[in-house]
C-alpha cells in the first residue's frame, strides 16, 4: 500500500492490487515482458512499468546449447550402433533380399 516501488517476477500485478498502491512510482518486473502486469491500470495511476529484457539470457542460452549437444550425442550413438548392426547384418540382409536400414528397436526414449 505504501510502497514507492514494486519489484515483481511472476506474481500477477492486476488492477485490483495496483489501485491500492498509494505512493508507487514504478513497477519493475525482473523478467522478460509484462504479461503479469496490468500496464493500462498502472498507466492510469501514473505508475511506470519496466522490465529486464535480457533476464536470464545466459542461463537459457546455456541450457539450449547443452540440449543441442546432448541431442547430437544421442544421434551419434544411434548412428554408431546402427552402423555396427548394419555391417554385421549386411550379408544376411543381402541374402534375404532386404535393403535399407532398420531402426526398429535401435532408438531410445
Protein backbone atom coordinates (compact mmCIF):
# COMPACT_ATOMS: atom_id res chain seq x y z
CA UNK A 1 0.00 0.00 0.00
CA UNK A 2 2.74 2.49 0.94
CA UNK A 3 5.44 1.16 -1.38
CA UNK A 4 7.28 3.66 -3.56
CA UNK A 5 8.30 0.88 -5.95
CA UNK A 6 7.34 -2.73 -6.56
CA UNK A 7 9.73 -5.38 -7.79
CA UNK A 8 7.94 -8.43 -9.17
CA UNK A 9 8.73 -11.55 -11.16
CA UNK A 10 5.77 -13.90 -11.72
CA UNK A 11 3.26 -12.52 -9.23
CA UNK A 12 0.21 -11.11 -11.07
CA UNK A 13 0.01 -7.34 -10.62
CA UNK A 14 -3.61 -6.81 -11.61
CA UNK A 15 -5.72 -3.67 -11.42
CA UNK A 16 -7.15 -4.58 -8.00
CA UNK A 17 -3.66 -4.57 -6.49
CA UNK A 18 -2.35 -1.58 -8.44
CA UNK A 19 -5.33 0.54 -7.37
CA UNK A 20 -4.31 0.01 -3.73
CA UNK A 21 -0.78 1.36 -4.26
CA UNK A 22 -0.98 4.91 -2.95
CA UNK A 23 2.66 6.06 -3.34
CA UNK A 24 4.01 3.77 -6.03
CA UNK A 25 6.01 5.37 -8.86
CA UNK A 26 7.28 2.25 -10.65
CA UNK A 27 6.56 -1.47 -11.03
CA UNK A 28 9.65 -3.27 -12.26
CA UNK A 29 9.46 -6.84 -13.45
CA UNK A 30 12.69 -8.81 -13.25
CA UNK A 31 11.85 -10.92 -16.26
CA UNK A 32 11.03 -10.62 -19.93
CA UNK A 33 7.76 -8.96 -20.93
CA UNK A 34 4.86 -7.56 -18.96
CA UNK A 35 2.31 -10.35 -19.24
CA UNK A 36 1.64 -10.42 -15.48
CA UNK A 37 1.34 -6.64 -15.00
CA UNK A 38 -1.78 -4.67 -15.87
CA UNK A 39 0.12 -1.94 -17.71
CA UNK A 40 -3.04 0.04 -18.52
CA UNK A 41 -4.06 0.20 -14.84
CA UNK A 42 -0.54 1.29 -13.90
CA UNK A 43 -0.54 4.00 -16.59
CA UNK A 44 -3.89 5.33 -15.35
CA UNK A 45 -2.30 5.86 -11.92
CA UNK A 46 0.87 7.39 -13.37
CA UNK A 47 2.99 4.37 -12.42
CA UNK A 48 5.86 3.49 -14.72
CA UNK A 49 6.32 -0.16 -15.69
CA UNK A 50 9.71 -1.59 -16.61
CA UNK A 51 11.26 -4.99 -17.17
CA UNK A 52 14.65 -6.64 -17.67
CA UNK A 53 14.63 -7.74 -21.33
CA UNK A 54 17.79 -9.84 -21.05
CA UNK A 55 16.80 -11.51 -17.77
CA UNK A 56 18.32 -15.00 -17.50
CA UNK A 57 19.53 -14.85 -21.12
CA UNK A 58 22.82 -16.61 -20.35
CA UNK A 59 21.09 -19.38 -18.40
CA UNK A 60 18.62 -20.01 -21.20
CA UNK A 61 21.29 -19.98 -23.92
CA UNK A 62 23.50 -22.35 -21.87
CA UNK A 63 20.57 -24.73 -21.47
CA UNK A 64 19.75 -24.67 -25.20
CA UNK A 65 23.36 -25.31 -26.22
CA UNK A 66 23.52 -28.18 -23.72
CA UNK A 67 20.36 -29.72 -25.16
CA UNK A 68 21.69 -29.39 -28.71
CA UNK A 69 24.93 -31.13 -27.70
CA UNK A 70 23.02 -33.88 -25.87
CA UNK A 71 20.77 -34.47 -28.88
CA UNK A 72 23.78 -34.61 -31.21
CA UNK A 73 25.45 -37.14 -28.90
CA UNK A 74 22.31 -39.29 -28.95
CA UNK A 75 22.18 -39.16 -32.74
CA UNK A 76 25.87 -40.09 -32.94
CA UNK A 77 25.31 -43.05 -30.59
CA UNK A 78 22.34 -44.26 -32.67
CA UNK A 79 24.31 -43.90 -35.91
CA UNK A 80 27.23 -45.78 -34.40
CA UNK A 81 25.00 -48.58 -33.12
CA UNK A 82 23.08 -48.90 -36.37
CA UNK A 83 26.33 -48.82 -38.39
CA UNK A 84 27.73 -51.73 -36.38
CA UNK A 85 24.47 -53.62 -36.67
CA UNK A 86 24.28 -52.88 -40.39
CA UNK A 87 27.80 -54.18 -41.03
CA UNK A 88 27.13 -57.46 -39.18
CA UNK A 89 23.69 -57.93 -40.74
CA UNK A 90 24.58 -56.76 -44.24
CA UNK A 91 25.37 -60.26 -45.50
CA UNK A 92 22.19 -61.76 -44.04
CA UNK A 93 20.09 -58.86 -45.37
CA UNK A 94 21.59 -59.24 -48.82
CA UNK A 95 20.93 -62.98 -48.73
CA UNK A 96 17.27 -62.33 -47.84
CA UNK A 97 16.90 -59.60 -50.46
CA UNK A 98 16.47 -56.91 -47.81
CA UNK A 99 17.85 -53.45 -48.41
CA UNK A 100 17.97 -50.29 -46.32
CA UNK A 101 18.46 -49.57 -42.67
CA UNK A 102 16.06 -50.75 -39.99
CA UNK A 103 15.80 -48.56 -36.91
CA UNK A 104 13.17 -50.60 -35.10
CA UNK A 105 14.47 -51.32 -31.61
CA UNK A 106 17.53 -49.11 -32.23
CA UNK A 107 16.20 -45.80 -30.91
CA UNK A 108 16.00 -44.70 -27.28
CA UNK A 109 13.48 -42.53 -25.49
